[in-house]
Amino acid sequence: MSRERNRWSWSSHRRRLHSLSRSNRAELQFPVSRLDRLLRLSPYAQRLSSSTPIFLAGILEYLAAHILDLAGVEARSSHDVRITPEHVQRALDNHEYLSRLFQPGAFPRVSAMPVPEDRL
């Protein structure tokens, strides 16, 4: 009982709250701080909001979970216990939107930024 009393007494030190990472605060598994660091290295870092890495981590986590779920279905259909790269590839090929997303040339590289007409 004395231990309980000392923990909550005013004379004891204030309880230090442990700092939570941004991933924990957003309840995400993907590293928000690492994505923020990598996004800040890009030339358009001035245009990013503080919530951009959180949003990006949520999107990446959703995509990874969805792909792994589809790959798990493929693994079960082939009577396997483990998900192999072949199961992931078959899951991506069989899904209409994901196959379009991961096909070559889905995101063409832009050679130069367009210049607004008022600056010409």
Protein backbone atom coordinates (compact mmCIF):
# COMPACT_ATOMS: atom_id res chain seq x y z
CA MET A 1 0.00 0.00 0.00
CA SER A 2 2.83 2.40 0.77
CA ARG A 3 4.23 1.78 -2.68
CA GLU A 4 0.92 2.79 -4.19
CA ARG A 5 0.79 5.93 -2.05
CA ASN A 6 4.34 6.98 -2.97
CA ARG A 7 3.70 6.63 -6.65
CA TRP A 8 0.83 9.09 -6.61
CA SER A 9 2.02 11.44 -3.88
CA TRP A 10 2.73 15.06 -4.72
CA SER A 11 6.15 14.94 -3.14
CA SER A 12 7.40 12.29 -5.52
CA HIS A 13 8.89 13.23 -8.87
CA ARG A 14 6.50 14.04 -11.64
CA ARG A 15 5.81 11.09 -13.82
CA ARG A 16 7.58 11.50 -17.12
CA LEU A 17 5.40 10.71 -20.07
CA HIS A 18 7.20 8.67 -22.67
CA SER A 19 7.41 10.36 -26.00
CA LEU A 20 5.47 8.67 -28.75
CA SER A 21 6.78 8.41 -32.27
CA ARG A 22 4.69 9.85 -35.07
CA SER A 23 4.09 6.31 -36.32
CA ASN A 24 2.67 5.32 -32.93
CA ARG A 25 0.53 8.44 -32.72
CA ALA A 26 -0.92 7.72 -36.16
CA GLU A 27 -1.22 4.00 -35.30
CA LEU A 28 0.89 3.05 -38.32
CA GLN A 29 3.59 0.44 -38.79
CA PHE A 30 5.47 2.28 -41.52
CA PRO A 31 8.13 4.76 -40.31
CA VAL A 32 6.73 8.28 -40.59
CA SER A 33 9.98 9.96 -39.52
CA ARG A 34 12.03 8.08 -42.12
CA LEU A 35 9.58 9.05 -44.85
CA ASP A 36 9.74 12.65 -43.66
CA ARG A 37 13.54 12.61 -43.80
CA LEU A 38 13.53 11.14 -47.31
CA LEU A 39 10.90 13.59 -48.53
CA ARG A 40 12.89 16.53 -47.14
CA LEU A 41 15.86 15.51 -49.32
CA SER A 42 13.84 16.17 -52.47
CA PRO A 43 13.98 19.50 -54.29
CA TYR A 44 10.30 20.24 -53.64
CA ALA A 45 10.61 19.93 -49.84
CA GLN A 46 9.41 23.52 -49.34
CA ARG A 47 5.99 22.58 -50.71
CA LEU A 48 5.32 19.69 -48.31
CA SER A 49 3.02 20.00 -45.36
CA SER A 50 3.80 18.42 -41.99
CA SER A 51 1.08 15.81 -42.54
CA THR A 52 2.48 14.62 -45.89
CA PRO A 53 4.72 11.84 -44.48
CA ILE A 54 1.87 10.59 -42.28
CA PHE A 55 -0.48 10.43 -45.24
CA LEU A 56 2.18 8.73 -47.39
CA ALA A 57 2.93 6.17 -44.65
CA GLY A 58 -0.78 5.38 -44.39
CA ILE A 59 -1.07 4.87 -48.14
CA LEU A 60 2.02 2.65 -48.28
CA GLU A 61 0.81 0.60 -45.33
CA TYR A 62 -2.60 0.15 -46.92
CA LEU A 63 -1.06 -0.94 -50.23
CA ALA A 64 1.31 -3.38 -48.53
CA ALA A 65 -1.50 -4.88 -46.44
CA HIS A 66 -3.75 -5.23 -49.49
CA ILE A 67 -1.02 -6.85 -51.59
CA LEU A 68 -0.07 -9.24 -48.79
CA ASP A 69 -3.72 -10.13 -48.26
CA LEU A 70 -4.13 -10.97 -51.95
CA ALA A 71 -0.85 -12.92 -51.91
CA GLY A 72 -2.09 -14.86 -48.88
CA VAL A 73 -5.22 -15.83 -50.80
CA GLU A 74 -3.01 -16.98 -53.69
CA ALA A 75 -0.84 -19.00 -51.29
CA ARG A 76 -3.89 -20.68 -49.74
CA SER A 77 -5.31 -21.48 -53.15
CA SER A 78 -2.08 -23.25 -54.07
CA HIS A 79 -2.08 -25.08 -50.67
CA ASP A 80 1.04 -23.33 -49.39
CA VAL A 81 1.63 -22.02 -45.89
CA ARG A 82 4.14 -19.31 -46.77
CA ILE A 83 3.79 -16.38 -49.12
CA THR A 84 6.50 -16.50 -51.78
CA PRO A 85 7.43 -13.85 -54.38
CA GLU A 86 5.56 -15.90 -56.97
CA HIS A 87 2.35 -15.55 -54.94
CA VAL A 88 2.84 -11.79 -54.75
CA GLN A 89 3.45 -11.62 -58.50
CA ARG A 90 0.34 -13.70 -59.26
CA ALA A 91 -1.74 -11.55 -56.90
CA LEU A 92 -0.56 -8.37 -58.63
CA ASP A 93 -1.17 -9.83 -62.10
CA ASN A 94 -4.69 -11.03 -61.24
CA HIS A 95 -5.83 -7.74 -59.69
CA GLU A 96 -7.12 -5.23 -62.24
CA TYR A 97 -5.99 -1.97 -60.60
CA LEU A 98 -2.77 -3.19 -59.02
CA SER A 99 -1.57 -4.70 -62.29
CA ARG A 100 -2.05 -1.31 -63.95
CA LEU A 101 -0.31 0.46 -61.08
CA PHE A 102 2.80 -1.73 -61.23
CA GLN A 103 3.16 -2.09 -64.98
CA PRO A 104 6.24 -0.50 -66.59
CA GLY A 105 5.62 3.05 -67.71
CA ALA A 106 2.78 3.70 -65.29
CA PHE A 107 4.59 6.79 -64.00
CA PRO A 108 6.46 8.47 -66.85
CA ARG A 109 9.40 10.65 -65.89
CA VAL A 110 9.00 14.33 -66.65
CA SER A 111 12.15 15.82 -68.16
CA ALA A 112 11.50 19.42 -67.12
CA MET A 113 9.08 21.26 -64.89
CA PRO A 114 6.42 23.20 -66.83
CA VAL A 115 6.88 26.97 -66.66
CA PRO A 116 3.79 29.09 -65.95
CA GLU A 117 2.79 31.32 -68.84
CA ASP A 118 3.07 34.55 -66.83
CA ARG A 119 6.83 33.93 -66.36
CA LEU A 120 7.53 33.51 -70.07
